[in-house]
C-alpha atoms as a PDB file:
ATOM      1  CA  MET A   1      -8.854  -4.151 -22.228  1.00  0.00           C
ATOM      2  CA  ALA A   2      -6.142  -1.681 -20.597  1.00  0.00           C
ATOM      3  CA  ARG A   3      -5.376  -1.694 -16.758  1.00  0.00           C
ATOM      4  CA  PRO A   4      -7.458   1.017 -14.836  1.00  0.00           C
ATOM      5  CA  ILE A   5      -5.241   3.593 -13.385  1.00  0.00           C
ATOM      6  CA  THR A   6      -6.237   5.418 -10.188  1.00  0.00           C
ATOM      7  CA  LEU A   7      -4.825   7.715  -7.471  1.00  0.00           C
ATOM      8  CA  PHE A   8      -4.288   6.709  -3.894  1.00  0.00           C
ATOM      9  CA  THR A   9      -6.290   9.396  -2.094  1.00  0.00           C
ATOM     10  CA  GLY A  10      -4.011   8.499   0.961  1.00  0.00           C
ATOM     11  CA  GLN A  11      -1.671  12.061   0.346  1.00  0.00           C
ATOM     12  CA  TRP A  12      -4.711  13.972  -0.592  1.00  0.00           C
ATOM     13  CA  ALA A  13      -6.596  13.512   2.661  1.00  0.00           C
ATOM     14  CA  ASP A  14      -5.952  17.195   3.660  1.00  0.00           C
ATOM     15  CA  LEU A  15      -8.621  17.954   0.569  1.00  0.00           C
ATOM     16  CA  PRO A  16     -12.966  17.217   0.961  1.00  0.00           C
ATOM     17  CA  PHE A  17     -13.189  13.433  -1.283  1.00  0.00           C
ATOM     18  CA  GLU A  18     -15.610  15.893  -3.611  1.00  0.00           C
ATOM     19  CA  GLU A  19     -12.608  17.701  -4.483  1.00  0.00           C
ATOM     20  CA  VAL A  20     -10.196  14.601  -5.154  1.00  0.00           C
ATOM     21  CA  CYS A  21     -12.969  13.336  -7.219  1.00  0.00           C
ATOM     22  CA  ARG A  22     -13.071  16.534  -9.032  1.00  0.00           C
ATOM     23  CA  LEU A  23      -9.182  16.557  -9.298  1.00  0.00           C
ATOM     24  CA  ALA A  24      -8.849  12.967 -10.809  1.00  0.00           C
ATOM     25  CA  SER A  25     -11.537  12.906 -13.421  1.00  0.00           C
ATOM     26  CA  GLU A  26     -10.195  16.206 -14.933  1.00  0.00           C
ATOM     27  CA  TRP A  27      -6.974  15.076 -15.110  1.00  0.00           C
ATOM     28  CA  GLY A  28      -8.277  11.913 -16.580  1.00  0.00           C
ATOM     29  CA  TYR A  29      -8.164   9.012 -14.139  1.00  0.00           C
ATOM     30  CA  ASP A  30     -10.363   6.519 -14.086  1.00  0.00           C
ATOM     31  CA  GLY A  31     -10.586   5.877 -10.770  1.00  0.00           C
ATOM     32  CA  LEU A  32      -9.319   5.920  -7.201  1.00  0.00           C
ATOM     33  CA  GLU A  33      -7.698   4.439  -3.934  1.00  0.00           C
ATOM     34  CA  ILE A  34      -9.403   5.274  -1.417  1.00  0.00           C
ATOM     35  CA  ALA A  35      -8.022   6.066   2.121  1.00  0.00           C
ATOM     36  CA  CYS A  36     -10.160   5.308   5.327  1.00  0.00           C
ATOM     37  CA  TRP A  37      -8.860   8.902   6.718  1.00  0.00           C
ATOM     38  CA  GLY A  38     -10.095  11.965   6.114  1.00  0.00           C
ATOM     39  CA  ASP A  39     -13.590  12.209   5.014  1.00  0.00           C
ATOM     40  CA  HIS A  40     -12.797  10.080   2.172  1.00  0.00           C
ATOM     41  CA  PHE A  41     -14.208   6.779   3.634  1.00  0.00           C
ATOM     42  CA  GLU A  42     -14.898   6.339   7.116  1.00  0.00           C
ATOM     43  CA  VAL A  43     -15.105   2.400   8.144  1.00  0.00           C
ATOM     44  CA  ASP A  44     -17.599   3.212  11.081  1.00  0.00           C
ATOM     45  CA  ARG A  45     -20.002   5.107   9.005  1.00  0.00           C
ATOM     46  CA  ALA A  46     -19.987   3.119   6.278  1.00  0.00           C
ATOM     47  CA  LEU A  47     -21.414   0.253   8.426  1.00  0.00           C
ATOM     48  CA  THR A  48     -23.845   2.273  10.557  1.00  0.00           C
ATOM     49  CA  GLU A  49     -24.899   5.057   8.739  1.00  0.00           C
ATOM     50  CA  ASP A  50     -27.941   4.708   6.040  1.00  0.00           C
ATOM     51  CA  GLY A  51     -26.757   6.104   2.173  1.00  0.00           C
ATOM     52  CA  TYR A  52     -23.298   6.455   3.566  1.00  0.00           C
ATOM     53  CA  ILE A  53     -22.123   3.774   1.110  1.00  0.00           C
ATOM     54  CA  GLU A  54     -24.622   4.776  -2.042  1.00  0.00           C
ATOM     55  CA  ARG A  55     -23.459   8.787  -1.163  1.00  0.00           C
ATOM     56  CA  LYS A  56     -19.752   7.426  -2.001  1.00  0.00           C
ATOM     57  CA  HIS A  57     -20.764   5.572  -5.239  1.00  0.00           C
ATOM     58  CA  GLU A  58     -23.028   8.591  -6.399  1.00  0.00           C
ATOM     59  CA  GLN A  59     -19.643  11.088  -6.020  1.00  0.00           C
ATOM     60  CA  LEU A  60     -17.617   8.344  -7.971  1.00  0.00           C
ATOM     61  CA  ALA A  61     -20.169   8.287 -10.675  1.00  0.00           C
ATOM     62  CA  LYS A  62     -20.769  11.738 -10.701  1.00  0.00           C
ATOM     63  CA  HIS A  63     -16.894  12.101 -11.962  1.00  0.00           C
ATOM     64  CA  ASN A  64     -16.711   9.034 -13.823  1.00  0.00           C
ATOM     65  CA  LEU A  65     -14.777   7.272 -11.386  1.00  0.00           C
ATOM     66  CA  LYS A  66     -14.442   3.731 -10.213  1.00  0.00           C
ATOM     67  CA  CYS A  67     -13.264   2.389  -7.047  1.00  0.00           C
ATOM     68  CA  TRP A  68     -10.855  -1.149  -6.857  1.00  0.00           C
ATOM     69  CA  ALA A  69      -9.409  -1.025  -3.571  1.00  0.00           C
ATOM     70  CA  ILE A  70      -9.555   1.132  -0.194  1.00  0.00           C
ATOM     71  CA  SER A  71      -6.573   1.264   1.811  1.00  0.00           C
ATOM     72  CA  ASN A  72      -6.118   1.616   5.583  1.00  0.00           C
ATOM     73  CA  HIS A  73      -2.527   1.595   6.035  1.00  0.00           C
ATOM     74  CA  LEU A  74      -2.853   3.697   9.348  1.00  0.00           C
ATOM     75  CA  VAL A  75      -4.851   1.677  11.650  1.00  0.00           C
ATOM     76  CA  GLY A  76      -3.521  -1.617  10.204  1.00  0.00           C
ATOM     77  CA  GLN A  77      -0.319   0.032  11.437  1.00  0.00           C
ATOM     78  CA  ALA A  78      -1.188  -0.117  15.207  1.00  0.00           C
ATOM     79  CA  VAL A  79      -2.020  -4.284  14.968  1.00  0.00           C
ATOM     80  CA  CYS A  80       1.431  -5.400  15.729  1.00  0.00           C
ATOM     81  CA  ASP A  81       3.590  -2.389  16.661  1.00  0.00           C
ATOM     82  CA  HIS A  82       6.105  -1.903  19.446  1.00  0.00           C
ATOM     83  CA  PRO A  83       6.174   0.552  21.088  1.00  0.00           C
ATOM     84  CA  ILE A  84       2.893   2.346  20.739  1.00  0.00           C
ATOM     85  CA  ASP A  85       3.140   6.040  21.156  1.00  0.00           C
ATOM     86  CA  GLU A  86       2.414   9.894  19.908  1.00  0.00           C
ATOM     87  CA  ARG A  87       3.518   8.830  16.807  1.00  0.00           C
ATOM     88  CA  HIS A  88       0.151   6.687  16.394  1.00  0.00           C
ATOM     89  CA  GLN A  89      -1.970   9.124  18.466  1.00  0.00           C
ATOM     90  CA  ASP A  90      -1.257  11.572  15.594  1.00  0.00           C
ATOM     91  CA  ILE A  91      -2.495   9.097  12.794  1.00  0.00           C
ATOM     92  CA  LEU A  92      -5.183   6.745  14.236  1.00  0.00           C
ATOM     93  CA  PRO A  93      -9.131   7.938  14.871  1.00  0.00           C
ATOM     94  CA  ALA A  94      -9.812   8.881  18.225  1.00  0.00           C
ATOM     95  CA  ALA A  95     -11.910   6.085  18.986  1.00  0.00           C
ATOM     96  CA  VAL A  96      -8.948   3.540  18.139  1.00  0.00           C
ATOM     97  CA  TRP A  97      -6.251   5.471  20.041  1.00  0.00           C
ATOM     98  CA  GLY A  98      -8.730   5.395  23.037  1.00  0.00           C
ATOM     99  CA  ASP A  99      -6.945   6.308  26.279  1.00  0.00           C
ATOM    100  CA  GLY A 100      -3.709   5.354  24.741  1.00  0.00           C
ATOM    101  CA  ASP A 101      -2.851   2.345  26.591  1.00  0.00           C
ATOM    102  CA  PRO A 102      -0.604   0.074  24.032  1.00  0.00           C
ATOM    103  CA  GLU A 103      -2.564  -2.802  24.341  1.00  0.00           C
ATOM    104  CA  GLY A 104      -5.918  -1.714  24.215  1.00  0.00           C
ATOM    105  CA  VAL A 105      -4.791   0.262  20.945  1.00  0.00           C
ATOM    106  CA  ARG A 106      -3.654  -2.813  19.514  1.00  0.00           C
ATOM    107  CA  GLN A 107      -6.901  -4.317  19.924  1.00  0.00           C
ATOM    108  CA  ARG A 108      -9.102  -1.947  18.640  1.00  0.00           C
ATOM    109  CA  ALA A 109      -6.737  -1.600  15.556  1.00  0.00           C
ATOM    110  CA  ALA A 110      -7.158  -5.036  15.220  1.00  0.00           C
ATOM    111  CA  ASP A 111     -11.204  -4.528  15.614  1.00  0.00           C
ATOM    112  CA  ARG A 112     -11.351  -1.398  13.144  1.00  0.00           C
ATOM    113  CA  MET A 113      -9.253  -3.774  10.575  1.00  0.00           C
ATOM    114  CA  LYS A 114     -11.918  -6.572  10.767  1.00  0.00           C
ATOM    115  CA  ASP A 115     -14.592  -3.822  10.449  1.00  0.00           C
ATOM    116  CA  THR A 116     -12.726  -2.207   7.385  1.00  0.00           C
ATOM    117  CA  ALA A 117     -12.897  -5.927   5.561  1.00  0.00           C
ATOM    118  CA  ARG A 118     -16.721  -5.841   6.098  1.00  0.00           C
ATOM    119  CA  ALA A 119     -16.920  -2.077   5.045  1.00  0.00           C
ATOM    120  CA  ALA A 120     -14.678  -3.112   1.690  1.00  0.00           C
ATOM    121  CA  ALA A 121     -17.168  -5.649   1.269  1.00  0.00           C
ATOM    122  CA  ARG A 122     -20.462  -3.880   1.972  1.00  0.00           C
ATOM    123  CA  PHE A 123     -18.826  -0.877  -0.134  1.00  0.00           C
ATOM    124  CA  GLY A 124     -17.943  -3.952  -3.430  1.00  0.00           C
ATOM    125  CA  VAL A 125     -14.296  -3.867  -3.364  1.00  0.00           C
ATOM    126  CA  ARG A 126     -12.656  -7.004  -2.947  1.00  0.00           C
ATOM    127  CA  THR A 127      -9.214  -5.985  -1.740  1.00  0.00           C
ATOM    128  CA  VAL A 128      -7.859  -3.708   1.610  1.00  0.00           C
ATOM    129  CA  VAL A 129      -4.506  -2.369   0.934  1.00  0.00           C
ATOM    130  CA  GLY A 130      -2.385  -1.765   4.528  1.00  0.00           C
ATOM    131  CA  PHE A 131      -0.079  -1.976   6.541  1.00  0.00           C
ATOM    132  CA  THR A 132       0.488  -4.677   9.730  1.00  0.00           C
ATOM    133  CA  GLY A 133       2.847  -3.061  12.041  1.00  0.00           C
ATOM    134  CA  SER A 134       5.416  -5.199  13.693  1.00  0.00           C
ATOM    135  CA  SER A 135       6.687  -5.752  17.433  1.00  0.00           C
ATOM    136  CA  ILE A 136      10.349  -6.065  16.177  1.00  0.00           C
ATOM    137  CA  TRP A 137      11.171  -3.723  13.949  1.00  0.00           C
ATOM    138  CA  HIS A 138      12.798  -1.707  16.181  1.00  0.00           C
ATOM    139  CA  THR A 139      15.679  -4.595  16.568  1.00  0.00           C
ATOM    140  CA  VAL A 140      16.393  -4.286  12.603  1.00  0.00           C
ATOM    141  CA  ALA A 141      19.791  -2.652  13.426  1.00  0.00           C
ATOM    142  CA  MET A 142      20.410  -6.501  15.552  1.00  0.00           C
ATOM    143  CA  PHE A 143      22.149  -4.792  18.082  1.00  0.00           C
ATOM    144  CA  PRO A 144      21.986  -5.191  21.402  1.00  0.00           C
ATOM    145  CA  PRO A 145      22.505  -8.877  19.171  1.00  0.00           C
ATOM    146  CA  VAL A 146      18.936  -9.952  18.788  1.00  0.00           C
ATOM    147  CA  PRO A 147      18.184 -13.996  20.047  1.00  0.00           C
ATOM    148  CA  GLU A 148      16.611 -15.699  17.047  1.00  0.00           C
ATOM    149  CA  SER A 149      13.676 -16.420  19.746  1.00  0.00           C
ATOM    150  CA  MET A 150      12.766 -12.737  19.796  1.00  0.00           C
ATOM    151  CA  ILE A 151      12.416 -12.339  16.038  1.00  0.00           C
ATOM    152  CA  GLU A 152      10.342 -15.843  16.256  1.00  0.00           C
ATOM    153  CA  ARG A 153       7.921 -14.252  18.863  1.00  0.00           C
ATOM    154  CA  GLY A 154       7.512 -11.660  16.593  1.00  0.00           C
ATOM    155  CA  TYR A 155       6.378 -13.587  13.557  1.00  0.00           C
ATOM    156  CA  ALA A 156       4.299 -15.605  16.426  1.00  0.00           C
ATOM    157  CA  ASP A 157       2.738 -12.126  17.816  1.00  0.00           C
ATOM    158  CA  PHE A 158       1.847 -11.371  13.821  1.00  0.00           C
ATOM    159  CA  ALA A 159       0.323 -14.257  13.483  1.00  0.00           C
ATOM    160  CA  ALA A 160      -1.579 -14.507  16.612  1.00  0.00           C
ATOM    161  CA  ARG A 161      -2.803 -11.041  15.656  1.00  0.00           C
ATOM    162  CA  TRP A 162      -4.004 -11.023  12.193  1.00  0.00           C
ATOM    163  CA  ASN A 163      -4.866 -14.572  11.843  1.00  0.00           C
ATOM    164  CA  PRO A 164      -8.337 -13.186  13.323  1.00  0.00           C
ATOM    165  CA  ILE A 165      -8.314 -10.282  11.148  1.00  0.00           C
ATOM    166  CA  LEU A 166      -8.180 -12.528   7.849  1.00  0.00           C
ATOM    167  CA  ASP A 167     -10.337 -15.216   9.201  1.00  0.00           C
ATOM    168  CA  VAL A 168     -13.129 -12.012   8.786  1.00  0.00           C
ATOM    169  CA  PHE A 169     -11.477 -10.978   5.558  1.00  0.00           C
ATOM    170  CA  ASP A 170     -12.018 -14.589   4.526  1.00  0.00           C
ATOM    171  CA  SER A 171     -15.648 -14.617   5.632  1.00  0.00           C
ATOM    172  CA  VAL A 172     -16.734 -11.354   3.430  1.00  0.00           C
ATOM    173  CA  GLY A 173     -14.781 -12.603   0.345  1.00  0.00           C
ATOM    174  CA  VAL A 174     -12.188  -9.666   0.917  1.00  0.00           C
ATOM    175  CA  ARG A 175      -8.333  -9.781   0.638  1.00  0.00           C
ATOM    176  CA  PHE A 176      -5.782  -7.962   2.057  1.00  0.00           C
ATOM    177  CA  ALA A 177      -3.012  -6.541   0.274  1.00  0.00           C
ATOM    178  CA  HIS A 178      -0.135  -5.967   2.822  1.00  0.00           C
ATOM    179  CA  GLU A 179       2.432  -3.459   1.437  1.00  0.00           C
ATOM    180  CA  VAL A 180       6.114  -4.429   1.821  1.00  0.00           C
ATOM    181  CA  HIS A 181       7.791  -1.723   3.348  1.00  0.00           C
ATOM    182  CA  PRO A 182      10.260  -0.858   5.710  1.00  0.00           C
ATOM    183  CA  SER A 183       8.985  -0.947   9.585  1.00  0.00           C
ATOM    184  CA  GLU A 184       6.523  -3.940   8.798  1.00  0.00           C
ATOM    185  CA  ILE A 185       6.466  -7.124   9.591  1.00  0.00           C
ATOM    186  CA  ALA A 186       7.186  -8.039   6.003  1.00  0.00           C
ATOM    187  CA  TYR A 187       9.936  -5.370   4.206  1.00  0.00           C
ATOM    188  CA  ASP A 188      11.873  -7.576   2.282  1.00  0.00           C
ATOM    189  CA  TYR A 189      12.060 -10.747   0.288  1.00  0.00           C
ATOM    190  CA  TRP A 190      13.016 -12.874   3.102  1.00  0.00           C
ATOM    191  CA  THR A 191      11.074 -11.224   5.304  1.00  0.00           C
ATOM    192  CA  THR A 192       7.944 -11.389   3.268  1.00  0.00           C
ATOM    193  CA  ARG A 193       8.675 -15.061   2.585  1.00  0.00           C
ATOM    194  CA  ARG A 194       8.561 -15.375   6.405  1.00  0.00           C
ATOM    195  CA  THR A 195       5.646 -13.644   6.827  1.00  0.00           C
ATOM    196  CA  LEU A 196       3.675 -15.821   4.260  1.00  0.00           C
ATOM    197  CA  GLU A 197       5.060 -19.064   6.287  1.00  0.00           C
ATOM    198  CA  ALA A 198       3.772 -17.318   9.507  1.00  0.00           C
ATOM    199  CA  ILE A 199      -0.156 -17.653   8.675  1.00  0.00           C
ATOM    200  CA  GLY A 200       0.408 -20.734   6.586  1.00  0.00           C
ATOM    201  CA  ASN A 201       0.261 -19.079   3.474  1.00  0.00           C
ATOM    202  CA  ARG A 202      -3.047 -18.361   3.449  1.00  0.00           C
ATOM    203  CA  ALA A 203      -4.573 -16.758   0.215  1.00  0.00           C
ATOM    204  CA  ALA A 204      -6.706 -13.931   2.366  1.00  0.00           C
ATOM    205  CA  PHE A 205      -3.097 -12.526   2.397  1.00  0.00           C
ATOM    206  CA  GLY A 206      -1.318 -11.062  -0.091  1.00  0.00           C
ATOM    207  CA  LEU A 207       1.049  -8.148  -1.297  1.00  0.00           C
ATOM    208  CA  ASN A 208       0.559  -4.566  -2.414  1.00  0.00           C
ATOM    209  CA  TRP A 209       3.801  -4.098  -4.799  1.00  0.00           C
ATOM    210  CA  ASP A 210       5.261  -0.569  -4.337  1.00  0.00           C
ATOM    211  CA  PRO A 211       8.704  -0.636  -5.953  1.00  0.00           C
ATOM    212  CA  SER A 212      10.227   2.628  -4.687  1.00  0.00           C
ATOM    213  CA  HIS A 213      10.374   0.632  -1.113  1.00  0.00           C
ATOM    214  CA  PHE A 214      12.685  -1.907  -3.030  1.00  0.00           C
ATOM    215  CA  VAL A 215      14.567   0.887  -4.846  1.00  0.00           C
ATOM    216  CA  TRP A 216      15.365   2.525  -1.443  1.00  0.00           C
ATOM    217  CA  GLN A 217      16.376  -0.829   0.053  1.00  0.00           C
ATOM    218  CA  ASP A 218      18.820  -1.538  -3.035  1.00  0.00           C
ATOM    219  CA  LEU A 219      16.595  -4.939  -3.839  1.00  0.00           C
ATOM    220  CA  ASP A 220      15.225  -5.873  -6.837  1.00  0.00           C
ATOM    221  CA  PRO A 221      11.506  -4.862  -7.457  1.00  0.00           C
ATOM    222  CA  VAL A 222      11.316  -7.294 -10.537  1.00  0.00           C
ATOM    223  CA  GLY A 223      12.461 -10.181  -9.130  1.00  0.00           C
ATOM    224  CA  PHE A 224       9.931  -9.633  -6.797  1.00  0.00           C
ATOM    225  CA  ILE A 225       7.191  -9.638  -8.620  1.00  0.00           C
ATOM    226  CA  LEU A 226       8.072 -12.842  -9.965  1.00  0.00           C
ATOM    227  CA  GLU A 227       8.786 -14.376  -6.700  1.00  0.00           C
ATOM    228  CA  PHE A 228       5.697 -14.021  -5.719  1.00  0.00           C
ATOM    229  CA  ARG A 229       3.303 -13.883  -8.753  1.00  0.00           C
ATOM    230  CA  ASP A 230       0.327 -15.684  -7.121  1.00  0.00           C
ATOM    231  CA  ARG A 231       0.318 -12.908  -4.294  1.00  0.00           C
ATOM    232  CA  ILE A 232       0.317  -9.271  -6.261  1.00  0.00           C
ATOM    233  CA  TYR A 233      -2.893  -8.502  -5.080  1.00  0.00           C
ATOM    234  CA  HIS A 234      -2.571  -4.557  -5.986  1.00  0.00           C
ATOM    235  CA  VAL A 235       0.279  -2.578  -7.574  1.00  0.00           C
ATOM    236  CA  ASP A 236       0.912   1.305  -6.142  1.00  0.00           C
ATOM    237  CA  CYS A 237       3.473   2.992  -8.534  1.00  0.00           C
ATOM    238  CA  LYS A 238       5.585   5.207  -6.764  1.00  0.00           C
ATOM    239  CA  ASP A 239       9.349   6.078  -7.859  1.00  0.00           C
ATOM    240  CA  ALA A 240      12.490   6.717  -5.395  1.00  0.00           C
ATOM    241  CA  LYS A 241      15.599   8.632  -5.900  1.00  0.00           C
ATOM    242  CA  VAL A 242      18.677   7.412  -4.352  1.00  0.00           C
ATOM    243  CA  ARG A 243      21.394  10.102  -3.871  1.00  0.00           C
ATOM    244  CA  THR A 244      23.921   8.105  -1.731  1.00  0.00           C
ATOM    245  CA  GLY A 245      27.478   8.413  -3.118  1.00  0.00           C
ATOM    246  CA  ASP A 246      29.221  11.108  -1.495  1.00  0.00           C
ATOM    247  CA  GLY A 247      30.155   9.723   2.013  1.00  0.00           C
ATOM    248  CA  ARG A 248      27.301  11.789   3.900  1.00  0.00           C
ATOM    249  CA  ARG A 249      23.817  10.906   2.041  1.00  0.00           C
ATOM    250  CA  GLY A 250      22.933   7.336   3.300  1.00  0.00           C
ATOM    251  CA  ARG A 251      19.462   5.244   3.105  1.00  0.00           C
ATOM    252  CA  LEU A 252      19.075   5.761   6.677  1.00  0.00           C
ATOM    253  CA  SER A 253      18.048   9.095   6.115  1.00  0.00           C
ATOM    254  CA  SER A 254      19.491  10.562   9.046  1.00  0.00           C
ATOM    255  CA  HIS A 255      16.258  11.949  10.573  1.00  0.00           C
ATOM    256  CA  LEU A 256      16.050  14.458   8.003  1.00  0.00           C
ATOM    257  CA  PRO A 257      12.460  16.027   6.478  1.00  0.00           C
ATOM    258  CA  TRP A 258      11.569  14.196   3.153  1.00  0.00           C
ATOM    259  CA  ALA A 259      12.402  17.082   0.718  1.00  0.00           C
ATOM    260  CA  ASP A 260      15.854  17.863   2.426  1.00  0.00           C
ATOM    261  CA  LEU A 261      18.432  17.047  -0.349  1.00  0.00           C
ATOM    262  CA  ARG A 262      21.040  15.985   2.509  1.00  0.00           C
ATOM    263  CA  ARG A 263      19.052  12.529   2.865  1.00  0.00           C
ATOM    264  CA  GLY A 264      20.357   9.560   0.610  1.00  0.00           C
ATOM    265  CA  TRP A 265      17.142   9.075  -0.821  1.00  0.00           C
ATOM    266  CA  ASP A 266      13.612  10.232  -1.045  1.00  0.00           C
ATOM    267  CA  PHE A 267      10.179   9.721  -3.444  1.00  0.00           C
ATOM    268  CA  VAL A 268      10.225  11.367  -6.366  1.00  0.00           C
ATOM    269  CA  SER A 269       8.247  12.049  -9.343  1.00  0.00           C
ATOM    270  CA  THR A 270       6.763   8.767 -11.148  1.00  0.00           C
ATOM    271  CA  GLY A 271       9.522   8.084 -14.092  1.00  0.00           C
ATOM    272  CA  HIS A 272      12.044  10.535 -12.537  1.00  0.00           C
ATOM    273  CA  GLY A 273      13.445   8.204 -10.241  1.00  0.00           C
ATOM    274  CA  ASP A 274      15.572   4.629 -10.352  1.00  0.00           C
ATOM    275  CA  VAL A 275      12.479   2.316 -10.512  1.00  0.00           C
ATOM    276  CA  PRO A 276      13.369   0.196 -14.092  1.00  0.00           C
ATOM    277  CA  TRP A 277       9.576   0.812 -14.814  1.00  0.00           C
ATOM    278  CA  GLU A 278       9.369  -1.049 -18.330  1.00  0.00           C
ATOM    279  CA  ASP A 279      11.116  -4.069 -17.009  1.00  0.00           C
ATOM    280  CA  CYS A 280       8.442  -3.850 -13.624  1.00  0.00           C
ATOM    281  CA  PHE A 281       5.233  -3.369 -16.205  1.00  0.00           C
ATOM    282  CA  ARG A 282       6.396  -6.357 -18.451  1.00  0.00           C
ATOM    283  CA  ALA A 283       6.895  -8.339 -15.234  1.00  0.00           C
ATOM    284  CA  LEU A 284       3.523  -7.563 -14.185  1.00  0.00           C
ATOM    285  CA  ASN A 285       2.230  -8.857 -17.426  1.00  0.00           C
ATOM    286  CA  SER A 286       3.980 -11.889 -17.353  1.00  0.00           C
ATOM    287  CA  ILE A 287       2.180 -12.647 -14.323  1.00  0.00           C
ATOM    288  CA  GLY A 288      -1.091 -11.697 -15.577  1.00  0.00           C
ATOM    289  CA  TYR A 289      -1.592  -9.165 -13.163  1.00  0.00           C
ATOM    290  CA  ASP A 290      -4.986  -7.085 -14.553  1.00  0.00           C
ATOM    291  CA  GLY A 291      -5.749  -4.948 -11.397  1.00  0.00           C
ATOM    292  CA  PRO A 292      -5.232  -0.881 -11.049  1.00  0.00           C
ATOM    293  CA  LEU A 293      -2.186   0.596 -11.235  1.00  0.00           C
ATOM    294  CA  SER A 294      -2.366   2.973  -8.910  1.00  0.00           C
ATOM    295  CA  VAL A 295      -0.540   6.110  -8.651  1.00  0.00           C
ATOM    296  CA  GLU A 296       0.775   7.135  -5.031  1.00  0.00           C
ATOM    297  CA  TRP A 297       1.777  10.707  -4.671  1.00  0.00           C
ATOM    298  CA  GLU A 298       4.606  11.307  -2.549  1.00  0.00           C
ATOM    299  CA  ASP A 299       7.139  13.866  -3.824  1.00  0.00           C
ATOM    300  CA  ALA A 300       8.128  16.372  -1.142  1.00  0.00           C
ATOM    301  CA  GLY A 301       9.955  18.587  -3.806  1.00  0.00           C
ATOM    302  CA  MET A 302       7.165  18.993  -6.529  1.00  0.00           C
ATOM    303  CA  ASP A 303       3.679  20.581  -6.663  1.00  0.00           C
ATOM    304  CA  ARG A 304       1.279  17.754  -6.532  1.00  0.00           C
ATOM    305  CA  LEU A 305      -1.056  19.453  -8.687  1.00  0.00           C
ATOM    306  CA  VAL A 306       1.545  19.616 -11.128  1.00  0.00           C
ATOM    307  CA  GLY A 307       3.070  16.308 -10.496  1.00  0.00           C
ATOM    308  CA  ALA A 308      -0.029  13.781 -10.288  1.00  0.00           C
ATOM    309  CA  PRO A 309      -1.128  14.251 -13.701  1.00  0.00           C
ATOM    310  CA  GLU A 310       2.360  14.409 -14.948  1.00  0.00           C
ATOM    311  CA  ALA A 311       2.562  10.703 -13.315  1.00  0.00           C
ATOM    312  CA  LEU A 312      -0.741   9.510 -14.725  1.00  0.00           C
ATOM    313  CA  GLN A 313       0.669  10.770 -18.521  1.00  0.00           C
ATOM    314  CA  PHE A 314       3.989   8.620 -17.670  1.00  0.00           C
ATOM    315  CA  VAL A 315       1.973   5.478 -16.589  1.00  0.00           C
ATOM    316  CA  ARG A 316      -0.711   5.634 -19.156  1.00  0.00           C
ATOM    317  CA  ARG A 317       1.839   5.510 -22.118  1.00  0.00           C
ATOM    318  CA  LEU A 318       4.351   3.214 -20.368  1.00  0.00           C
ATOM    319  CA  ALA A 319       2.255   0.388 -18.799  1.00  0.00           C
ATOM    320  CA  PHE A 320       1.592  -1.354 -21.939  1.00  0.00           C
ATOM    321  CA  ASP A 321      -1.031  -4.299 -22.212  1.00  0.00           C
ATOM    322  CA  ALA A 322       0.577  -7.790 -22.734  1.00  0.00           C
ATOM    323  CA  PRO A 323       0.541  -9.006 -26.220  1.00  0.00           C
ATOM    324  CA  SER A 324      -2.949 -10.669 -26.958  1.00  0.00           C
ATOM    325  CA  ALA A 325      -3.185 -14.787 -26.912  1.00  0.00           C
ATOM    326  CA  ALA A 326      -3.777 -14.337 -30.809  1.00  0.00           C
ATOM    327  CA  PHE A 327      -0.386 -12.376 -31.273  1.00  0.00           C
ATOM    328  CA  ASP A 328       1.162 -15.000 -28.959  1.00  0.00           C
ATOM    329  CA  ALA A 329       0.014 -17.754 -30.708  1.00  0.00           C
ATOM    330  CA  ALA A 330       1.119 -16.126 -34.278  1.00  0.00           C
ATOM    331  CA  PHE A 331       4.644 -15.784 -33.252  1.00  0.00           C
ATOM    332  CA  SER A 332       5.391 -18.724 -31.727  1.00  0.00           C
ATOM    333  CA  SER A 333       4.382 -20.480 -34.825  1.00  0.00           C
ATOM    334  CA  ARG A 334       6.962 -18.735 -36.516  1.00  0.00           C
END
């Protein structure tokens, strides 16, 4: 059976949920990875308002769509982040931001992530995708020199803040898929290893694989799939194009806007960048990943109403199924 292809609604949260459902259905998507911002999925209402969950299911069914995951990147970011500042105020629900006291924001963000697990279970999905934040990302340049004790405290802080959240995930039968990404506690191969070790490799914490961030950092997205085969809980399909080489554009992007061509890289339409997609899909087949392939549209240089349906067709054409067991048996007997 073909894996479902979904559209992540995070980049569409300026539109009403009903309109996103209509567009995704008309383009031919199988479902949505629903973001917990805008009016798309409001965690507090899902837990307290009679009929809220039912209405969401009705909207999806009306457009022949399904949902396998919800995502709460924005709130998850605030759980561990340091510093907490106006950037977070711009992305957080008012109730989570509160008076802006940093530790209060972190605690309220942790409580909201626990509620996100409860809301996901009530909604009937098993996976929550998101960020963790990091208290040590600001040290990544390693100057002034960073003592190992400071890095250790960062991973201890992550474990202390996320283990109680993951306890709730376990209790309601939902798992967290962390998006490995710059600015997070796990942003590349080695930090992912260290993150999993910090929480005792508990099963509630897995990974959302998004190859664009590996291309951005000059890492191998295929090798990452194979190395963390038992932890790939969700897949986002987003491409990236590296444009370094002229001596001016670097991977740190120079604080330039997303679509500025002076940047050393940017996110581009799926299939137009540097992700080795066929090898990636073959690797996903090899580990037996059968969950959704979620298109995350983030190309600042292309009209999303053109690009999102184009990305769907690209993924549907290339994300071929693994050979059947019968084919494998016949082939191996030759």
